[in-house]
Amino acid sequence: MRRNEPKEFVDVGLGFVGFFGVAFVIITAVCELTGQQALPWALVSLTLVVVFILLLQARRRMAARLRAEEARAAQDS
């Protein structure tokens, strides 16, 4: 599969990070409930959540820039 738009790379990253973010939050909750050491899992979960938020912000900026370029192109023609 060929990806030409940069937005698609961000979407794939969001899916990947989102999936593992949810998985690690569940692992953290299970460790917390069973009394096992949960700090490393919680730190990984926090990192994945932060990366997910950063990817969401990047996607929004990218979408806004693409809309502005399309509006500029529409005005020029």
C-alpha atoms as a PDB file:
ATOM      1  CA  MET A   1       0.000   0.000   0.000  1.00  0.00           C
ATOM      2  CA  ARG A   2       1.322   3.397  -0.930  1.00  0.00           C
ATOM      3  CA  ARG A   3       0.759   6.422   1.262  1.00  0.00           C
ATOM      4  CA  ASN A   4       1.186   9.761  -0.426  1.00  0.00           C
ATOM      5  CA  GLU A   5      -0.382  12.115   2.074  1.00  0.00           C
ATOM      6  CA  PRO A   6       1.505  12.984   5.270  1.00  0.00           C
ATOM      7  CA  LYS A   7      -1.820  12.943   7.107  1.00  0.00           C
ATOM      8  CA  GLU A   8      -2.024   9.205   6.493  1.00  0.00           C
ATOM      9  CA  PHE A   9       1.263   8.638   8.334  1.00  0.00           C
ATOM     10  CA  VAL A  10      -0.118  10.525  11.323  1.00  0.00           C
ATOM     11  CA  ASP A  11      -3.340   8.485  11.167  1.00  0.00           C
ATOM     12  CA  VAL A  12      -1.375   5.240  11.195  1.00  0.00           C
ATOM     13  CA  GLY A  13       0.671   6.521  14.121  1.00  0.00           C
ATOM     14  CA  LEU A  14      -2.506   7.462  15.987  1.00  0.00           C
ATOM     15  CA  GLY A  15      -3.917   3.986  15.501  1.00  0.00           C
ATOM     16  CA  PHE A  16      -0.714   2.277  16.577  1.00  0.00           C
ATOM     17  CA  VAL A  17      -0.114   4.458  19.631  1.00  0.00           C
ATOM     18  CA  GLY A  18      -3.813   4.445  20.547  1.00  0.00           C
ATOM     19  CA  PHE A  19      -4.020   0.662  20.475  1.00  0.00           C
ATOM     20  CA  PHE A  20      -0.954   0.164  22.637  1.00  0.00           C
ATOM     21  CA  GLY A  21      -1.974   3.037  24.898  1.00  0.00           C
ATOM     22  CA  VAL A  22      -5.261   1.316  25.712  1.00  0.00           C
ATOM     23  CA  ALA A  23      -3.488  -2.023  26.149  1.00  0.00           C
ATOM     24  CA  PHE A  24      -0.945  -0.587  28.578  1.00  0.00           C
ATOM     25  CA  VAL A  25      -3.636   1.250  30.572  1.00  0.00           C
ATOM     26  CA  ILE A  26      -5.455  -2.082  30.983  1.00  0.00           C
ATOM     27  CA  ILE A  27      -2.207  -3.808  32.006  1.00  0.00           C
ATOM     28  CA  THR A  28      -1.572  -1.020  34.530  1.00  0.00           C
ATOM     29  CA  ALA A  29      -5.068  -1.392  35.995  1.00  0.00           C
ATOM     30  CA  VAL A  30      -4.710  -5.169  36.291  1.00  0.00           C
ATOM     31  CA  CYS A  31      -1.316  -4.838  37.990  1.00  0.00           C
ATOM     32  CA  GLU A  32      -2.718  -2.230  40.363  1.00  0.00           C
ATOM     33  CA  LEU A  33      -5.703  -4.419  41.271  1.00  0.00           C
ATOM     34  CA  THR A  34      -3.643  -7.577  41.770  1.00  0.00           C
ATOM     35  CA  GLY A  35      -0.988  -5.864  43.881  1.00  0.00           C
ATOM     36  CA  GLN A  36       1.863  -6.283  41.409  1.00  0.00           C
ATOM     37  CA  GLN A  37       4.347  -3.553  40.611  1.00  0.00           C
ATOM     38  CA  ALA A  38       2.524  -1.093  38.345  1.00  0.00           C
ATOM     39  CA  LEU A  39       4.855   1.922  38.171  1.00  0.00           C
ATOM     40  CA  PRO A  40       6.763   0.875  35.008  1.00  0.00           C
ATOM     41  CA  TRP A  41       3.498   0.084  33.231  1.00  0.00           C
ATOM     42  CA  ALA A  42       2.015   3.384  34.355  1.00  0.00           C
ATOM     43  CA  LEU A  43       5.033   5.308  33.039  1.00  0.00           C
ATOM     44  CA  VAL A  44       4.765   3.577  29.669  1.00  0.00           C
ATOM     45  CA  SER A  45       1.031   4.344  29.616  1.00  0.00           C
ATOM     46  CA  LEU A  46       1.709   7.987  30.404  1.00  0.00           C
ATOM     47  CA  THR A  47       4.292   8.191  27.643  1.00  0.00           C
ATOM     48  CA  LEU A  48       1.905   6.663  25.107  1.00  0.00           C
ATOM     49  CA  VAL A  49      -0.896   9.021  26.120  1.00  0.00           C
ATOM     50  CA  VAL A  50       1.410  12.037  25.725  1.00  0.00           C
ATOM     51  CA  VAL A  51       2.564  10.817  22.296  1.00  0.00           C
ATOM     52  CA  PHE A  52      -1.077  10.261  21.302  1.00  0.00           C
ATOM     53  CA  ILE A  53      -1.993  13.816  22.301  1.00  0.00           C
ATOM     54  CA  LEU A  54       0.993  15.201  20.382  1.00  0.00           C
ATOM     55  CA  LEU A  55      -0.016  13.233  17.283  1.00  0.00           C
ATOM     56  CA  LEU A  56      -3.589  14.551  17.582  1.00  0.00           C
ATOM     57  CA  GLN A  57      -2.287  18.114  17.732  1.00  0.00           C
ATOM     58  CA  ALA A  58      -0.046  17.497  14.730  1.00  0.00           C
ATOM     59  CA  ARG A  59      -2.993  16.081  12.783  1.00  0.00           C
ATOM     60  CA  ARG A  60      -5.153  19.104  13.598  1.00  0.00           C
ATOM     61  CA  ARG A  61      -2.408  21.521  12.535  1.00  0.00           C
ATOM     62  CA  MET A  62      -1.875  19.549   9.347  1.00  0.00           C
ATOM     63  CA  ALA A  63      -5.604  19.530   8.557  1.00  0.00           C
ATOM     64  CA  ALA A  64      -5.857  23.281   9.185  1.00  0.00           C
ATOM     65  CA  ARG A  65      -2.882  23.927   6.921  1.00  0.00           C
ATOM     66  CA  LEU A  66      -4.380  21.774   4.157  1.00  0.00           C
ATOM     67  CA  ARG A  67      -7.715  23.607   4.432  1.00  0.00           C
ATOM     68  CA  ALA A  68      -5.922  26.961   4.231  1.00  0.00           C
ATOM     69  CA  GLU A  69      -3.992  25.838   1.142  1.00  0.00           C
ATOM     70  CA  GLU A  70      -7.198  24.636  -0.521  1.00  0.00           C
ATOM     71  CA  ALA A  71      -8.952  27.916   0.278  1.00  0.00           C
ATOM     72  CA  ARG A  72      -5.997  29.875  -1.106  1.00  0.00           C
ATOM     73  CA  ALA A  73      -6.006  27.767  -4.271  1.00  0.00           C
ATOM     74  CA  ALA A  74      -9.758  28.287  -4.674  1.00  0.00           C
ATOM     75  CA  GLN A  75      -9.355  32.062  -4.380  1.00  0.00           C
ATOM     76  CA  ASP A  76      -6.548  32.108  -6.922  1.00  0.00           C
ATOM     77  CA  SER A  77      -8.554  30.292  -9.580  1.00  0.00           C
END
